[in-house]
């Protein structure tokens, strides 16, 4: 076999939850017996944009921001296609769990402001034959854009009825506060293999 190393480039734009709210979530979910404290992820964020392409002239940045998002219009879900609704093939205790930001959530407008900053860099050279991203669709990755925040690791043992978990969460935490916005271009090495030429 012949090994080759290729470079892959991805662009990520993310809103980061403040550390205080991460601690509040850990405290709430563990104290209510929903999951172990260690099952709650540490770096909670919402990805507002992701592209598997270089975006020329786009500069990386890290900005201090102040956004509050009500939890009343968020819902827990299994982070898998179709995970918004209970499905027999999805066992939440073995899956990654998060919250989705519903369309009626006033925070969606804030998310779109940051998303729009990336969309203007989707030139024809970047997109190729793909359609441009919109407020509800992605040019890269998952077809539909549904802002969400991964929160609980797989293997948490969480109750299958996520509606009960959601009610506890929304009763205990009324708003989420985001304090940083990052744009980061990530370059990774990807190793590929092909058969050696026959003699």
Protein backbone atom coordinates (compact mmCIF):
# COMPACT_ATOMS: atom_id res chain seq x y z
CA UNK A 1 0.00 0.00 0.00
CA UNK A 2 1.11 3.55 -0.74
CA UNK A 3 0.32 6.19 1.87
CA UNK A 4 -0.39 9.81 1.00
CA UNK A 5 -1.00 12.76 3.27
CA UNK A 6 -3.49 15.36 2.06
CA UNK A 7 -4.42 18.66 3.63
CA UNK A 8 -8.07 19.33 4.46
CA UNK A 9 -9.33 22.81 5.29
CA UNK A 10 -12.45 23.67 7.28
CA UNK A 11 -13.91 26.98 8.42
CA UNK A 12 -15.82 27.14 11.72
CA UNK A 13 -17.78 30.06 13.15
CA UNK A 14 -19.03 29.53 16.70
CA UNK A 15 -20.81 31.32 19.52
CA UNK A 16 -19.42 30.23 22.89
CA UNK A 17 -21.51 29.93 26.03
CA UNK A 18 -20.06 31.76 29.02
CA UNK A 19 -18.29 29.62 31.61
CA UNK A 20 -20.74 30.59 34.34
CA UNK A 21 -23.66 29.17 32.37
CA UNK A 22 -21.76 25.98 31.62
CA UNK A 23 -21.33 25.51 35.37
CA UNK A 24 -25.03 26.29 35.96
CA UNK A 25 -26.04 23.61 33.47
CA UNK A 26 -23.71 21.06 35.05
CA UNK A 27 -25.05 21.89 38.51
CA UNK A 28 -28.69 21.67 37.44
CA UNK A 29 -28.55 18.44 35.46
CA UNK A 30 -26.42 16.62 38.03
CA UNK A 31 -28.32 17.84 41.10
CA UNK A 32 -31.64 16.76 39.56
CA UNK A 33 -30.26 13.31 38.83
CA UNK A 34 -30.69 13.70 35.08
CA UNK A 35 -27.07 12.82 34.20
CA UNK A 36 -23.72 12.68 35.93
CA UNK A 37 -21.84 15.95 36.04
CA UNK A 38 -19.05 14.41 33.96
CA UNK A 39 -21.55 13.64 31.18
CA UNK A 40 -22.10 17.36 30.50
CA UNK A 41 -19.66 18.74 27.94
CA UNK A 42 -17.24 21.47 28.93
CA UNK A 43 -17.01 23.76 25.90
CA UNK A 44 -20.63 24.52 25.04
CA UNK A 45 -21.25 26.46 21.83
CA UNK A 46 -23.49 26.97 18.82
CA UNK A 47 -21.93 26.53 15.39
CA UNK A 48 -23.37 29.27 13.18
CA UNK A 49 -21.38 28.27 10.09
CA UNK A 50 -19.18 25.43 8.85
CA UNK A 51 -17.54 25.02 5.46
CA UNK A 52 -15.26 22.29 4.16
CA UNK A 53 -13.41 24.75 1.96
CA UNK A 54 -10.89 27.51 2.29
CA UNK A 55 -12.53 30.93 2.11
CA UNK A 56 -10.05 33.43 0.64
CA UNK A 57 -9.83 36.83 2.36
CA UNK A 58 -11.73 35.56 5.42
CA UNK A 59 -9.70 36.29 8.54
CA UNK A 60 -9.81 34.29 11.74
CA UNK A 61 -11.04 36.24 14.76
CA UNK A 62 -12.05 35.96 18.39
CA UNK A 63 -14.44 38.66 19.60
CA UNK A 64 -15.94 39.47 22.97
CA UNK A 65 -19.74 39.60 22.59
CA UNK A 66 -22.81 39.71 24.81
CA UNK A 67 -25.86 37.74 23.68
CA UNK A 68 -28.66 36.36 25.81
CA UNK A 69 -30.93 33.67 24.46
CA UNK A 70 -34.15 32.57 26.23
CA UNK A 71 -34.43 28.86 26.89
CA UNK A 72 -38.24 28.90 26.64
CA UNK A 73 -37.98 28.29 22.88
CA UNK A 74 -35.36 25.54 23.02
CA UNK A 75 -35.98 21.80 22.96
CA UNK A 76 -33.83 18.79 23.80
CA UNK A 77 -33.07 16.42 20.95
CA UNK A 78 -30.92 13.49 19.92
CA UNK A 79 -28.18 14.91 17.72
CA UNK A 80 -28.81 12.78 14.67
CA UNK A 81 -30.82 13.32 11.47
CA UNK A 82 -34.47 13.24 12.50
CA UNK A 83 -33.57 13.46 16.18
CA UNK A 84 -36.07 16.26 16.85
CA UNK A 85 -38.76 13.64 17.43
CA UNK A 86 -38.69 10.38 19.42
CA UNK A 87 -37.70 7.46 17.19
CA UNK A 88 -37.46 3.83 18.31
CA UNK A 89 -34.03 3.37 16.72
CA UNK A 90 -32.58 6.28 18.74
CA UNK A 91 -31.74 5.41 22.34
CA UNK A 92 -30.92 8.79 23.94
CA UNK A 93 -28.78 7.27 26.70
CA UNK A 94 -26.31 6.06 24.06
CA UNK A 95 -26.36 9.18 21.87
CA UNK A 96 -25.09 12.73 21.98
CA UNK A 97 -27.84 15.04 23.25
CA UNK A 98 -28.26 18.77 22.81
CA UNK A 99 -30.78 21.56 22.55
CA UNK A 100 -32.07 23.09 19.34
CA UNK A 101 -32.97 26.75 19.01
CA UNK A 102 -36.51 26.93 17.68
CA UNK A 103 -37.44 29.29 14.85
CA UNK A 104 -39.56 31.44 17.18
CA UNK A 105 -36.66 31.98 19.57
CA UNK A 106 -35.63 35.64 19.54
CA UNK A 107 -32.02 34.48 19.61
CA UNK A 108 -32.33 33.23 16.02
CA UNK A 109 -31.99 36.81 14.77
CA UNK A 110 -28.72 37.20 16.67
CA UNK A 111 -27.43 33.92 15.26
CA UNK A 112 -28.27 35.05 11.73
CA UNK A 113 -26.31 38.29 12.14
CA UNK A 114 -23.15 36.28 12.80
CA UNK A 115 -23.99 33.71 10.12
CA UNK A 116 -24.40 36.46 7.52
CA UNK A 117 -20.81 37.53 8.09
CA UNK A 118 -19.69 34.20 6.65
CA UNK A 119 -22.21 33.88 3.84
CA UNK A 120 -20.75 36.82 1.93
CA UNK A 121 -17.54 34.82 1.45
CA UNK A 122 -19.35 32.05 -0.42
CA UNK A 123 -18.05 33.01 -3.83
CA UNK A 124 -18.53 30.88 -6.91
CA UNK A 125 -14.93 29.68 -6.50
CA UNK A 126 -15.74 28.46 -2.99
CA UNK A 127 -19.12 26.93 -3.84
CA UNK A 128 -18.36 25.27 -7.14
CA UNK A 129 -21.69 23.75 -8.24
CA UNK A 130 -23.26 24.01 -4.78
CA UNK A 131 -26.11 26.36 -3.99
CA UNK A 132 -25.26 29.17 -1.56
CA UNK A 133 -26.16 28.84 2.09
CA UNK A 134 -29.24 30.64 3.38
CA UNK A 135 -30.76 31.24 6.80
CA UNK A 136 -32.21 27.72 6.69
CA UNK A 137 -29.90 25.74 4.39
CA UNK A 138 -26.20 24.89 4.29
CA UNK A 139 -24.02 24.69 1.23
CA UNK A 140 -21.77 22.20 3.07
CA UNK A 141 -22.57 19.37 5.47
CA UNK A 142 -26.12 18.86 6.69
CA UNK A 143 -28.63 20.24 4.19
CA UNK A 144 -30.77 22.08 6.74
CA UNK A 145 -29.35 24.67 9.10
CA UNK A 146 -30.75 24.08 12.57
CA UNK A 147 -28.82 25.95 15.27
CA UNK A 148 -28.17 23.70 18.23
CA UNK A 149 -25.82 23.23 21.15
CA UNK A 150 -24.33 19.83 21.92
CA UNK A 151 -24.59 19.34 25.66
CA UNK A 152 -24.50 15.71 26.87
CA UNK A 153 -22.03 13.00 25.89
CA UNK A 154 -23.07 9.56 24.60
CA UNK A 155 -23.39 6.95 27.33
CA UNK A 156 -24.96 9.37 29.79
CA UNK A 157 -27.89 7.12 30.74
CA UNK A 158 -30.34 9.99 30.21
CA UNK A 159 -34.08 9.27 30.36
CA UNK A 160 -35.63 8.28 27.04
CA UNK A 161 -38.32 10.97 27.46
CA UNK A 162 -36.38 14.13 26.65
CA UNK A 163 -39.47 16.30 27.14
CA UNK A 164 -39.19 15.73 30.90
CA UNK A 165 -35.53 16.71 30.82
CA UNK A 166 -36.39 19.83 28.83
CA UNK A 167 -38.97 20.96 31.34
CA UNK A 168 -36.47 20.67 34.19
CA UNK A 169 -33.85 22.54 32.16
CA UNK A 170 -36.13 25.42 31.18
CA UNK A 171 -37.50 25.75 34.71
CA UNK A 172 -34.00 25.97 36.17
CA UNK A 173 -32.30 28.15 33.55
CA UNK A 174 -34.25 30.94 31.85
CA UNK A 175 -31.56 32.42 29.58
CA UNK A 176 -28.26 31.36 28.08
CA UNK A 177 -25.45 33.91 27.81
CA UNK A 178 -22.86 33.82 25.04
CA UNK A 179 -19.71 35.88 25.50
CA UNK A 180 -17.39 35.04 22.59
CA UNK A 181 -17.58 34.66 18.82
CA UNK A 182 -14.79 32.84 16.98
CA UNK A 183 -13.99 32.29 13.33
CA UNK A 184 -11.30 29.65 12.87
CA UNK A 185 -9.75 28.06 9.81
CA UNK A 186 -8.59 24.54 10.66
CA UNK A 187 -6.04 22.68 8.54
CA UNK A 188 -5.73 18.95 9.14
CA UNK A 189 -3.66 16.15 7.68
CA UNK A 190 -5.70 13.35 6.16
CA UNK A 191 -3.91 10.09 5.35
CA UNK A 192 -5.14 8.16 2.34
CA UNK A 193 -4.02 4.79 0.99
CA UNK A 194 -3.93 3.27 -2.45
CA UNK A 195 -2.71 -0.05 -3.71
CA UNK A 196 0.89 -0.34 -4.79
CA UNK A 197 1.35 -0.69 -8.56
CA UNK A 198 1.76 -4.30 -9.67
CA UNK A 199 5.13 -5.31 -11.16
